[in-house]
Amino acid sequence: MAVKGTPWRPADALASFCRMEIQYMRAHPEDLARYRAKMIQIVKDERAGKQIQHLSNEELLTRAKDSFDDFLGSSLTILGGDLVYKEKHDALMKRISQAEQRASEGNMIAILLDPVKSAGPYYRLHVHGVALLNAIVVAVDIYRAAAESKKLPSVLPVGCPVDPYSGQAFAYEMTDAGFVLRCRTAPVDSSTVREFEFRLRE
């Protein structure tokens, strides 16, 4: 269960990163020229190299965006699927690695590799924020239950948002000062399991 609110729109965000990179390339044609020269050097087919050489800057950017759109479509399928956090992250990173490999072979995705690479940290940051928001909503439910019964509940209220890292309910522990909500799985970029401490009024 996730907290209702502003919908997460990864398609809009990642497409925006792509647009900004394209705008940068238009404003800095010397950088685009370097990418063109590198791709010509990499491709083994002389005919393909000549085709790249004779493309206009806009044609080059259009082909790069077509490759990015292929990456974006498969990435959105991953993010919108039923996999748990780590499985989604691993699948997404695999797609990024595949795009990097294609770039190293002269594919025009090389021009937009920075937006491609942004997908990983963008997803990690999203889940990081969801974990905090979900924990706050669970804490509000606990505070509400405590106000009604004059004591902390022994278990989490029914229907609470879950730990997005594991897809399971937060671990709940009462303390002398209040209570702690603990994720059950650490983020992929950390060995530390996140926990959120909440206090009761004295």
N, C-alpha and C. Protein backbone atom coordinates (compact mmCIF):
# COMPACT_ATOMS: atom_id res chain seq x y z
N MET A 1 0.84 -1.20 0.00
CA MET A 1 0.00 0.00 0.00
C MET A 1 0.88 1.25 0.00
N ALA A 2 0.59 2.20 -0.82
CA ALA A 2 1.33 3.45 -0.88
C ALA A 2 0.44 4.60 -0.45
N VAL A 3 1.07 5.67 -0.01
CA VAL A 3 0.33 6.84 0.40
C VAL A 3 -0.22 7.54 -0.83
N LYS A 4 -1.51 7.92 -0.77
CA LYS A 4 -2.11 8.63 -1.89
C LYS A 4 -1.62 10.08 -1.87
N GLY A 5 -1.47 10.64 -3.04
CA GLY A 5 -1.00 12.01 -3.16
C GLY A 5 -0.67 12.29 -4.61
N THR A 6 0.29 13.18 -4.84
CA THR A 6 0.70 13.48 -6.20
C THR A 6 1.25 12.22 -6.85
N PRO A 7 0.73 11.82 -8.01
CA PRO A 7 1.21 10.59 -8.64
C PRO A 7 2.68 10.69 -9.02
N TRP A 8 3.36 9.57 -8.91
CA TRP A 8 4.74 9.50 -9.36
C TRP A 8 4.74 9.40 -10.88
N ARG A 9 5.50 10.25 -11.54
CA ARG A 9 5.49 10.29 -13.00
C ARG A 9 6.92 10.11 -13.53
N PRO A 10 7.46 8.91 -13.47
CA PRO A 10 8.82 8.70 -13.96
C PRO A 10 8.97 9.00 -15.45
N ALA A 11 7.92 8.76 -16.23
CA ALA A 11 8.01 9.04 -17.67
C ALA A 11 8.26 10.52 -17.91
N ASP A 12 7.53 11.37 -17.18
CA ASP A 12 7.70 12.81 -17.34
C ASP A 12 9.09 13.26 -16.89
N ALA A 13 9.54 12.73 -15.76
CA ALA A 13 10.83 13.14 -15.20
C ALA A 13 11.98 12.73 -16.11
N LEU A 14 12.01 11.47 -16.53
CA LEU A 14 13.12 10.99 -17.36
C LEU A 14 13.10 11.64 -18.74
N ALA A 15 11.90 11.87 -19.28
CA ALA A 15 11.80 12.56 -20.57
C ALA A 15 12.29 14.00 -20.44
N SER A 16 12.05 14.60 -19.28
CA SER A 16 12.53 15.96 -19.04
C SER A 16 14.05 16.00 -19.00
N PHE A 17 14.67 15.00 -18.35
CA PHE A 17 16.14 14.93 -18.33
C PHE A 17 16.67 14.85 -19.76
N CYS A 18 15.99 14.06 -20.59
CA CYS A 18 16.39 13.91 -21.99
C CYS A 18 16.27 15.23 -22.74
N ARG A 19 15.16 15.93 -22.55
CA ARG A 19 14.97 17.21 -23.24
C ARG A 19 16.05 18.22 -22.85
N MET A 20 16.40 18.25 -21.56
CA MET A 20 17.42 19.19 -21.11
C MET A 20 18.78 18.89 -21.75
N GLU A 21 19.09 17.60 -21.90
CA GLU A 21 20.36 17.23 -22.52
C GLU A 21 20.37 17.61 -24.01
N ILE A 22 19.24 17.40 -24.68
CA ILE A 22 19.14 17.79 -26.09
C ILE A 22 19.29 19.30 -26.25
N GLN A 23 18.66 20.06 -25.35
CA GLN A 23 18.80 21.51 -25.38
C GLN A 23 20.25 21.93 -25.18
N TYR A 24 20.92 21.21 -24.29
CA TYR A 24 22.35 21.51 -24.05
C TYR A 24 23.16 21.27 -25.32
N MET A 25 22.90 20.14 -25.99
CA MET A 25 23.65 19.82 -27.21
C MET A 25 23.39 20.84 -28.31
N ARG A 26 22.17 21.34 -28.38
CA ARG A 26 21.87 22.37 -29.38
C ARG A 26 22.63 23.66 -29.07
N ALA A 27 22.77 23.95 -27.80
CA ALA A 27 23.47 25.17 -27.40
C ALA A 27 24.99 25.00 -27.45
N HIS A 28 25.46 23.75 -27.49
CA HIS A 28 26.91 23.49 -27.51
C HIS A 28 27.22 22.50 -28.64
N PRO A 29 27.13 22.96 -29.89
CA PRO A 29 27.37 22.05 -31.03
C PRO A 29 28.77 21.46 -31.05
N GLU A 30 29.71 22.14 -30.38
CA GLU A 30 31.07 21.59 -30.34
C GLU A 30 31.11 20.27 -29.56
N ASP A 31 30.26 20.13 -28.53
CA ASP A 31 30.19 18.88 -27.79
C ASP A 31 29.53 17.79 -28.64
N LEU A 32 28.50 18.18 -29.38
CA LEU A 32 27.84 17.22 -30.27
C LEU A 32 28.82 16.75 -31.35
N ALA A 33 29.64 17.66 -31.82
CA ALA A 33 30.64 17.30 -32.84
C ALA A 33 31.62 16.27 -32.30
N ARG A 34 31.97 16.39 -31.03
CA ARG A 34 32.89 15.41 -30.42
C ARG A 34 32.23 14.03 -30.35
N TYR A 35 30.95 13.99 -29.99
CA TYR A 35 30.24 12.71 -29.97
C TYR A 35 30.19 12.11 -31.38
N ARG A 36 29.93 12.95 -32.37
CA ARG A 36 29.85 12.48 -33.75
C ARG A 36 31.19 11.85 -34.17
N ALA A 37 32.27 12.56 -33.87
CA ALA A 37 33.59 12.06 -34.26
C ALA A 37 33.92 10.75 -33.56
N LYS A 38 33.52 10.65 -32.30
CA LYS A 38 33.80 9.42 -31.55
C LYS A 38 33.01 8.24 -32.13
N MET A 39 31.75 8.49 -32.47
CA MET A 39 30.92 7.41 -33.03
C MET A 39 31.47 6.95 -34.38
N ILE A 40 31.92 7.90 -35.20
CA ILE A 40 32.50 7.55 -36.49
C ILE A 40 33.75 6.69 -36.30
N GLN A 41 34.51 7.03 -35.27
CA GLN A 41 35.73 6.28 -34.99
C GLN A 41 35.43 4.86 -34.50
N ILE A 42 34.32 4.72 -33.76
CA ILE A 42 33.99 3.43 -33.14
C ILE A 42 33.39 2.46 -34.14
N VAL A 43 32.44 2.94 -34.97
CA VAL A 43 31.72 2.02 -35.85
C VAL A 43 32.69 1.37 -36.84
N LYS A 44 32.50 0.08 -37.03
CA LYS A 44 33.41 -0.68 -37.89
C LYS A 44 33.00 -0.61 -39.36
N ASP A 45 31.74 -0.32 -39.60
CA ASP A 45 31.22 -0.26 -40.96
C ASP A 45 31.52 1.12 -41.55
N GLU A 46 32.32 1.17 -42.60
CA GLU A 46 32.70 2.45 -43.19
C GLU A 46 31.48 3.20 -43.72
N ARG A 47 30.54 2.45 -44.27
CA ARG A 47 29.33 3.07 -44.80
C ARG A 47 28.53 3.73 -43.69
N ALA A 48 28.42 3.03 -42.54
CA ALA A 48 27.69 3.60 -41.40
C ALA A 48 28.39 4.85 -40.90
N GLY A 49 29.71 4.84 -40.91
CA GLY A 49 30.45 6.01 -40.48
C GLY A 49 30.20 7.21 -41.37
N LYS A 50 30.11 6.98 -42.68
CA LYS A 50 29.83 8.08 -43.61
C LYS A 50 28.41 8.62 -43.41
N GLN A 51 27.47 7.71 -43.09
CA GLN A 51 26.10 8.15 -42.84
C GLN A 51 26.04 9.07 -41.63
N ILE A 52 26.77 8.69 -40.57
CA ILE A 52 26.83 9.53 -39.37
C ILE A 52 27.45 10.89 -39.71
N GLN A 53 28.49 10.87 -40.52
CA GLN A 53 29.19 12.09 -40.88
C GLN A 53 28.27 13.08 -41.60
N HIS A 54 27.37 12.56 -42.43
CA HIS A 54 26.54 13.43 -43.26
C HIS A 54 25.19 13.79 -42.62
N LEU A 55 24.92 13.26 -41.43
CA LEU A 55 23.68 13.66 -40.74
C LEU A 55 23.79 15.08 -40.23
N SER A 56 22.69 15.83 -40.30
CA SER A 56 22.68 17.16 -39.67
C SER A 56 22.65 16.98 -38.16
N ASN A 57 22.91 18.05 -37.45
CA ASN A 57 22.86 17.97 -35.99
C ASN A 57 21.49 17.54 -35.50
N GLU A 58 20.44 18.08 -36.13
CA GLU A 58 19.08 17.72 -35.70
C GLU A 58 18.78 16.25 -36.01
N GLU A 59 19.25 15.77 -37.14
CA GLU A 59 19.06 14.37 -37.47
C GLU A 59 19.80 13.47 -36.48
N LEU A 60 20.97 13.90 -36.09
CA LEU A 60 21.75 13.13 -35.11
C LEU A 60 21.02 13.08 -33.77
N LEU A 61 20.50 14.22 -33.34
CA LEU A 61 19.77 14.28 -32.08
C LEU A 61 18.47 13.48 -32.14
N THR A 62 17.81 13.51 -33.28
CA THR A 62 16.57 12.75 -33.43
C THR A 62 16.83 11.25 -33.29
N ARG A 63 17.90 10.77 -33.91
CA ARG A 63 18.23 9.35 -33.81
C ARG A 63 18.65 8.97 -32.39
N ALA A 64 19.36 9.89 -31.74
CA ALA A 64 19.73 9.65 -30.34
C ALA A 64 18.48 9.55 -29.47
N LYS A 65 17.52 10.45 -29.72
CA LYS A 65 16.28 10.42 -28.93
C LYS A 65 15.48 9.16 -29.20
N ASP A 66 15.50 8.68 -30.43
CA ASP A 66 14.80 7.42 -30.73
C ASP A 66 15.39 6.28 -29.88
N SER A 67 16.71 6.25 -29.76
CA SER A 67 17.35 5.23 -28.94
C SER A 67 17.00 5.41 -27.47
N PHE A 68 16.96 6.69 -27.03
CA PHE A 68 16.58 6.96 -25.64
C PHE A 68 15.15 6.53 -25.38
N ASP A 69 14.27 6.79 -26.33
CA ASP A 69 12.86 6.41 -26.15
C ASP A 69 12.71 4.90 -26.01
N ASP A 70 13.53 4.13 -26.74
CA ASP A 70 13.52 2.67 -26.57
C ASP A 70 13.91 2.29 -25.15
N PHE A 71 14.96 2.95 -24.66
CA PHE A 71 15.40 2.71 -23.27
C PHE A 71 14.31 3.10 -22.29
N LEU A 72 13.70 4.27 -22.52
CA LEU A 72 12.67 4.76 -21.61
C LEU A 72 11.49 3.81 -21.56
N GLY A 73 11.05 3.32 -22.71
CA GLY A 73 9.90 2.42 -22.73
C GLY A 73 10.14 1.15 -21.93
N SER A 74 11.29 0.54 -22.11
CA SER A 74 11.58 -0.70 -21.37
C SER A 74 11.78 -0.41 -19.89
N SER A 75 12.33 0.75 -19.57
CA SER A 75 12.55 1.10 -18.16
C SER A 75 11.21 1.35 -17.45
N LEU A 76 10.28 2.00 -18.13
CA LEU A 76 8.98 2.24 -17.53
C LEU A 76 8.21 0.94 -17.32
N THR A 77 8.42 -0.02 -18.20
CA THR A 77 7.80 -1.34 -18.01
C THR A 77 8.33 -1.98 -16.73
N ILE A 78 9.62 -1.83 -16.49
CA ILE A 78 10.22 -2.37 -15.26
C ILE A 78 9.65 -1.65 -14.03
N LEU A 79 9.65 -0.33 -14.06
CA LEU A 79 9.21 0.45 -12.90
C LEU A 79 7.73 0.27 -12.61
N GLY A 80 6.95 -0.01 -13.64
CA GLY A 80 5.52 -0.19 -13.44
C GLY A 80 5.11 -1.62 -13.17
N GLY A 81 6.08 -2.53 -13.11
CA GLY A 81 5.79 -3.94 -12.91
C GLY A 81 5.60 -4.31 -11.46
N ASP A 82 5.48 -5.60 -11.21
CA ASP A 82 5.17 -6.11 -9.87
C ASP A 82 6.41 -6.55 -9.10
N LEU A 83 7.59 -6.30 -9.62
CA LEU A 83 8.81 -6.70 -8.92
C LEU A 83 8.97 -5.88 -7.64
N VAL A 84 9.67 -6.46 -6.67
CA VAL A 84 9.98 -5.71 -5.45
C VAL A 84 11.13 -4.75 -5.74
N TYR A 85 11.40 -3.88 -4.78
CA TYR A 85 12.36 -2.79 -4.95
C TYR A 85 13.70 -3.25 -5.52
N LYS A 86 14.36 -4.20 -4.89
CA LYS A 86 15.70 -4.60 -5.34
C LYS A 86 15.65 -5.23 -6.74
N GLU A 87 14.63 -6.02 -7.00
CA GLU A 87 14.50 -6.64 -8.31
C GLU A 87 14.29 -5.58 -9.39
N LYS A 88 13.46 -4.58 -9.08
CA LYS A 88 13.26 -3.49 -10.03
C LYS A 88 14.58 -2.74 -10.26
N HIS A 89 15.27 -2.47 -9.17
CA HIS A 89 16.52 -1.72 -9.29
C HIS A 89 17.54 -2.50 -10.11
N ASP A 90 17.66 -3.79 -9.85
CA ASP A 90 18.62 -4.63 -10.59
C ASP A 90 18.26 -4.67 -12.07
N ALA A 91 16.98 -4.81 -12.37
CA ALA A 91 16.54 -4.86 -13.76
C ALA A 91 16.80 -3.52 -14.46
N LEU A 92 16.57 -2.43 -13.73
CA LEU A 92 16.81 -1.10 -14.30
C LEU A 92 18.29 -0.88 -14.57
N MET A 93 19.13 -1.28 -13.63
CA MET A 93 20.58 -1.12 -13.80
C MET A 93 21.09 -1.99 -14.95
N LYS A 94 20.46 -3.13 -15.16
CA LYS A 94 20.84 -3.97 -16.30
C LYS A 94 20.53 -3.24 -17.61
N ARG A 95 19.38 -2.59 -17.67
CA ARG A 95 19.04 -1.84 -18.89
C ARG A 95 20.02 -0.69 -19.11
N ILE A 96 20.43 -0.04 -18.02
CA ILE A 96 21.41 1.05 -18.15
C ILE A 96 22.73 0.50 -18.66
N SER A 97 23.16 -0.64 -18.14
CA SER A 97 24.41 -1.27 -18.60
C SER A 97 24.33 -1.64 -20.08
N GLN A 98 23.17 -2.11 -20.49
CA GLN A 98 22.98 -2.46 -21.91
C GLN A 98 23.08 -1.22 -22.79
N ALA A 99 22.52 -0.11 -22.31
CA ALA A 99 22.61 1.14 -23.07
C ALA A 99 24.05 1.61 -23.15
N GLU A 100 24.78 1.47 -22.06
CA GLU A 100 26.20 1.85 -22.06
C GLU A 100 26.99 0.99 -23.04
N GLN A 101 26.66 -0.29 -23.10
CA GLN A 101 27.34 -1.18 -24.03
C GLN A 101 27.05 -0.75 -25.48
N ARG A 102 25.81 -0.42 -25.76
CA ARG A 102 25.44 0.03 -27.11
C ARG A 102 26.18 1.32 -27.45
N ALA A 103 26.30 2.20 -26.46
CA ALA A 103 27.02 3.46 -26.70
C ALA A 103 28.48 3.19 -27.03
N SER A 104 29.08 2.23 -26.33
CA SER A 104 30.49 1.90 -26.58
C SER A 104 30.71 1.29 -27.96
N GLU A 105 29.61 0.81 -28.58
CA GLU A 105 29.69 0.21 -29.91
C GLU A 105 29.31 1.21 -31.00
N GLY A 106 29.08 2.48 -30.61
CA GLY A 106 28.80 3.51 -31.58
C GLY A 106 27.35 3.88 -31.74
N ASN A 107 26.47 3.31 -30.92
CA ASN A 107 25.05 3.68 -31.01
C ASN A 107 24.87 5.11 -30.55
N MET A 108 23.92 5.80 -31.15
CA MET A 108 23.72 7.22 -30.86
C MET A 108 23.14 7.49 -29.48
N ILE A 109 22.78 6.44 -28.76
CA ILE A 109 22.37 6.61 -27.36
C ILE A 109 23.49 7.24 -26.55
N ALA A 110 24.73 7.17 -27.09
CA ALA A 110 25.89 7.76 -26.41
C ALA A 110 25.68 9.25 -26.15
N ILE A 111 24.98 9.93 -27.05
CA ILE A 111 24.74 11.36 -26.91
C ILE A 111 23.88 11.66 -25.70
N LEU A 112 22.99 10.74 -25.36
CA LEU A 112 22.05 10.94 -24.25
C LEU A 112 22.29 9.96 -23.11
N LEU A 113 23.54 9.59 -22.93
CA LEU A 113 23.86 8.61 -21.89
C LEU A 113 23.68 9.17 -20.48
N ASP A 114 23.88 10.47 -20.31
CA ASP A 114 23.69 11.05 -18.97
C ASP A 114 22.23 10.92 -18.51
N PRO A 115 21.24 11.25 -19.35
CA PRO A 115 19.85 11.00 -18.92
C PRO A 115 19.56 9.53 -18.67
N VAL A 116 20.17 8.65 -19.45
CA VAL A 116 20.00 7.21 -19.21
C VAL A 116 20.51 6.85 -17.82
N LYS A 117 21.70 7.30 -17.48
CA LYS A 117 22.30 6.97 -16.18
C LYS A 117 21.53 7.58 -15.01
N SER A 118 20.79 8.65 -15.28
CA SER A 118 20.04 9.31 -14.20
C SER A 118 18.88 8.45 -13.71
N ALA A 119 18.48 7.45 -14.49
CA ALA A 119 17.32 6.64 -14.10
C ALA A 119 17.55 5.90 -12.79
N GLY A 120 18.78 5.42 -12.58
CA GLY A 120 19.08 4.67 -11.35
C GLY A 120 18.95 5.53 -10.09
N PRO A 121 19.72 6.63 -9.99
CA PRO A 121 19.58 7.47 -8.80
C PRO A 121 18.20 8.09 -8.66
N TYR A 122 17.54 8.35 -9.78
CA TYR A 122 16.18 8.90 -9.70
C TYR A 122 15.24 7.91 -9.02
N TYR A 123 15.33 6.64 -9.38
CA TYR A 123 14.47 5.63 -8.76
C TYR A 123 14.83 5.44 -7.28
N ARG A 124 16.12 5.41 -6.97
CA ARG A 124 16.53 5.25 -5.57
C ARG A 124 16.03 6.42 -4.72
N LEU A 125 16.13 7.63 -5.26
CA LEU A 125 15.66 8.81 -4.52
C LEU A 125 14.16 8.76 -4.31
N HIS A 126 13.44 8.30 -5.31
CA HIS A 126 11.97 8.17 -5.19
C HIS A 126 11.61 7.22 -4.05
N VAL A 127 12.21 6.05 -4.01
CA VAL A 127 11.88 5.07 -2.97
C VAL A 127 12.31 5.59 -1.60
N HIS A 128 13.43 6.31 -1.56
CA HIS A 128 13.89 6.92 -0.31
C HIS A 128 12.81 7.84 0.25
N GLY A 129 12.24 8.65 -0.61
CA GLY A 129 11.19 9.57 -0.16
C GLY A 129 9.91 8.86 0.22
N VAL A 130 9.56 7.81 -0.51
CA VAL A 130 8.34 7.04 -0.19
C VAL A 130 8.47 6.41 1.19
N ALA A 131 9.67 5.90 1.51
CA ALA A 131 9.86 5.27 2.82
C ALA A 131 9.59 6.27 3.95
N LEU A 132 10.12 7.48 3.83
CA LEU A 132 9.90 8.50 4.85
C LEU A 132 8.42 8.87 4.93
N LEU A 133 7.80 9.12 3.79
CA LEU A 133 6.40 9.52 3.78
C LEU A 133 5.51 8.42 4.37
N ASN A 134 5.75 7.18 3.97
CA ASN A 134 4.94 6.07 4.50
C ASN A 134 5.11 5.94 6.01
N ALA A 135 6.35 6.10 6.49
CA ALA A 135 6.60 5.99 7.93
C ALA A 135 5.84 7.09 8.69
N ILE A 136 5.81 8.28 8.14
CA ILE A 136 5.09 9.38 8.80
C ILE A 136 3.60 9.07 8.87
N VAL A 137 3.04 8.54 7.78
CA VAL A 137 1.61 8.22 7.78
C VAL A 137 1.31 7.11 8.78
N VAL A 138 2.17 6.10 8.86
CA VAL A 138 1.99 5.03 9.85
C VAL A 138 2.05 5.63 11.25
N ALA A 139 3.01 6.52 11.48
CA ALA A 139 3.15 7.14 12.80
C ALA A 139 1.88 7.92 13.18
N VAL A 140 1.30 8.61 12.23
CA VAL A 140 0.06 9.35 12.50
C VAL A 140 -1.04 8.38 12.94
N ASP A 141 -1.13 7.23 12.27
CA ASP A 141 -2.14 6.23 12.66
C ASP A 141 -1.87 5.71 14.07
N ILE A 142 -0.60 5.54 14.40
CA ILE A 142 -0.25 5.07 15.75
C ILE A 142 -0.60 6.14 16.79
N TYR A 143 -0.27 7.39 16.50
CA TYR A 143 -0.61 8.48 17.41
C TYR A 143 -2.12 8.56 17.61
N ARG A 144 -2.87 8.37 16.54
CA ARG A 144 -4.33 8.43 16.64
C ARG A 144 -4.85 7.29 17.52
N ALA A 145 -4.30 6.10 17.32
CA ALA A 145 -4.72 4.95 18.14
C ALA A 145 -4.34 5.17 19.60
N ALA A 146 -3.17 5.77 19.83
CA ALA A 146 -2.73 6.03 21.21
C ALA A 146 -3.62 7.07 21.89
N ALA A 147 -4.05 8.06 21.12
CA ALA A 147 -4.92 9.10 21.68
C ALA A 147 -6.28 8.53 22.08
N GLU A 148 -6.74 7.55 21.31
CA GLU A 148 -8.05 6.96 21.60
C GLU A 148 -8.00 5.99 22.77
N SER A 149 -6.90 5.25 22.89
CA SER A 149 -6.83 4.21 23.93
C SER A 149 -5.95 4.61 25.11
N LYS A 150 -5.32 5.79 25.02
CA LYS A 150 -4.43 6.29 26.08
C LYS A 150 -3.14 5.47 26.22
N LYS A 151 -2.83 4.67 25.23
CA LYS A 151 -1.56 3.92 25.23
C LYS A 151 -1.22 3.54 23.80
N LEU A 152 0.06 3.24 23.60
CA LEU A 152 0.48 2.83 22.28
C LEU A 152 -0.12 1.47 21.92
N PRO A 153 -0.51 1.28 20.66
CA PRO A 153 -1.00 -0.04 20.25
C PRO A 153 0.13 -1.07 20.30
N SER A 154 -0.21 -2.30 20.54
CA SER A 154 0.81 -3.35 20.60
C SER A 154 1.27 -3.79 19.21
N VAL A 155 0.41 -3.56 18.22
CA VAL A 155 0.75 -3.89 16.83
C VAL A 155 0.35 -2.71 15.95
N LEU A 156 0.83 -2.70 14.72
CA LEU A 156 0.48 -1.63 13.79
C LEU A 156 -1.00 -1.66 13.46
N PRO A 157 -1.62 -0.49 13.32
CA PRO A 157 -3.02 -0.45 12.88
C PRO A 157 -3.18 -1.13 11.52
N VAL A 158 -4.35 -1.65 11.26
CA VAL A 158 -4.63 -2.34 10.00
C VAL A 158 -4.62 -1.34 8.83
N GLY A 159 -4.07 -1.79 7.71
CA GLY A 159 -4.12 -0.99 6.49
C GLY A 159 -3.07 0.09 6.38
N CYS A 160 -2.03 0.01 7.20
CA CYS A 160 -0.98 1.03 7.14
C CYS A 160 -0.13 0.89 5.87
N PRO A 161 0.44 1.99 5.37
CA PRO A 161 1.40 1.90 4.28
C PRO A 161 2.60 1.03 4.67
N VAL A 162 3.25 0.45 3.69
CA VAL A 162 4.33 -0.50 3.97
C VAL A 162 5.70 0.11 3.73
N ASP A 163 6.70 -0.62 4.16
CA ASP A 163 8.10 -0.32 3.86
C ASP A 163 8.32 -0.59 2.37
N PRO A 164 8.64 0.44 1.57
CA PRO A 164 8.76 0.21 0.12
C PRO A 164 9.98 -0.60 -0.28
N TYR A 165 10.95 -0.72 0.62
CA TYR A 165 12.14 -1.51 0.28
C TYR A 165 11.83 -3.01 0.24
N SER A 166 10.97 -3.45 1.13
CA SER A 166 10.66 -4.88 1.22
C SER A 166 9.26 -5.22 0.74
N GLY A 167 8.37 -4.21 0.72
CA GLY A 167 6.97 -4.48 0.39
C GLY A 167 6.20 -5.05 1.56
N GLN A 168 6.82 -5.07 2.74
CA GLN A 168 6.19 -5.61 3.95
C GLN A 168 5.91 -4.48 4.93
N ALA A 169 5.15 -4.81 5.97
CA ALA A 169 4.87 -3.82 7.01
C ALA A 169 6.16 -3.42 7.70
N PHE A 170 6.23 -2.17 8.14
CA PHE A 170 7.38 -1.72 8.92
C PHE A 170 7.49 -2.55 10.20
N ALA A 171 8.71 -2.80 10.64
CA ALA A 171 8.91 -3.36 11.98
C ALA A 171 8.58 -2.27 12.99
N TYR A 172 7.84 -2.61 14.01
CA TYR A 172 7.34 -1.63 14.97
C TYR A 172 7.86 -1.99 16.34
N GLU A 173 8.51 -1.01 17.00
CA GLU A 173 9.09 -1.27 18.32
C GLU A 173 8.79 -0.10 19.25
N MET A 174 8.18 -0.39 20.37
CA MET A 174 7.93 0.65 21.37
C MET A 174 9.21 0.93 22.15
N THR A 175 9.44 2.19 22.48
CA THR A 175 10.62 2.60 23.23
C THR A 175 10.17 3.40 24.45
N ASP A 176 11.13 3.75 25.30
CA ASP A 176 10.80 4.55 26.49
C ASP A 176 10.25 5.93 26.11
N ALA A 177 10.75 6.46 24.97
CA ALA A 177 10.33 7.80 24.57
C ALA A 177 9.16 7.80 23.59
N GLY A 178 8.87 6.66 22.99
CA GLY A 178 7.81 6.61 21.99
C GLY A 178 7.85 5.31 21.22
N PHE A 179 8.23 5.37 19.95
CA PHE A 179 8.30 4.15 19.16
C PHE A 179 9.21 4.36 17.95
N VAL A 180 9.63 3.25 17.37
CA VAL A 180 10.49 3.25 16.18
C VAL A 180 9.81 2.43 15.09
N LEU A 181 9.84 2.95 13.88
CA LEU A 181 9.41 2.20 12.69
C LEU A 181 10.67 1.89 11.88
N ARG A 182 10.88 0.63 11.60
CA ARG A 182 12.11 0.20 10.95
C ARG A 182 11.81 -0.51 9.65
N CYS A 183 12.54 -0.13 8.59
CA CYS A 183 12.42 -0.85 7.33
C CYS A 183 12.98 -2.26 7.51
N ARG A 184 12.55 -3.17 6.69
CA ARG A 184 12.99 -4.56 6.82
C ARG A 184 14.12 -4.92 5.87
N THR A 185 14.41 -4.02 4.95
CA THR A 185 15.49 -4.23 3.98
C THR A 185 16.24 -2.92 3.79
N ALA A 186 17.55 -3.01 3.67
CA ALA A 186 18.35 -1.81 3.45
C ALA A 186 18.25 -1.35 2.00
N PRO A 187 18.42 -0.06 1.74
CA PRO A 187 18.51 0.41 0.35
C PRO A 187 19.67 -0.27 -0.37
N VAL A 188 19.59 -0.35 -1.68
CA VAL A 188 20.64 -1.04 -2.43
C VAL A 188 21.97 -0.31 -2.36
N ASP A 189 21.95 0.98 -2.06
CA ASP A 189 23.19 1.76 -2.02
C ASP A 189 23.68 1.99 -0.59
N SER A 190 23.19 1.19 0.35
CA SER A 190 23.59 1.33 1.75
C SER A 190 23.50 -0.02 2.45
N SER A 191 24.34 -0.19 3.47
CA SER A 191 24.28 -1.42 4.28
C SER A 191 23.44 -1.20 5.53
N THR A 192 22.93 0.01 5.69
CA THR A 192 22.19 0.37 6.90
C THR A 192 20.68 0.35 6.64
N VAL A 193 19.97 -0.40 7.45
CA VAL A 193 18.52 -0.42 7.38
C VAL A 193 17.98 0.89 7.96
N ARG A 194 17.12 1.56 7.25
CA ARG A 194 16.60 2.84 7.72
C ARG A 194 15.56 2.63 8.82
N GLU A 195 15.61 3.52 9.81
CA GLU A 195 14.59 3.50 10.86
C GLU A 195 14.19 4.92 11.19
N PHE A 196 12.97 5.06 11.69
CA PHE A 196 12.39 6.37 11.95
C PHE A 196 11.89 6.39 13.40
N GLU A 197 12.41 7.30 14.18
CA GLU A 197 12.07 7.38 15.61
C GLU A 197 11.01 8.45 15.83
N PHE A 198 10.00 8.10 16.59
CA PHE A 198 8.93 9.04 16.91
C PHE A 198 8.74 9.09 18.42
N ARG A 199 8.47 10.28 18.94
CA ARG A 199 8.35 10.47 20.37
C ARG A 199 6.91 10.79 20.77
N LEU A 200 6.60 10.49 21.98
CA LEU A 200 5.31 10.86 22.57
C LEU A 200 5.50 12.11 23.42
N ARG A 201 4.44 12.89 23.55
CA ARG A 201 4.54 14.07 24.41
C ARG A 201 4.73 13.62 25.86
N GLU A 202 5.57 14.36 26.55
CA GLU A 202 5.79 14.03 27.96
C GLU A 202 4.70 14.66 28.81
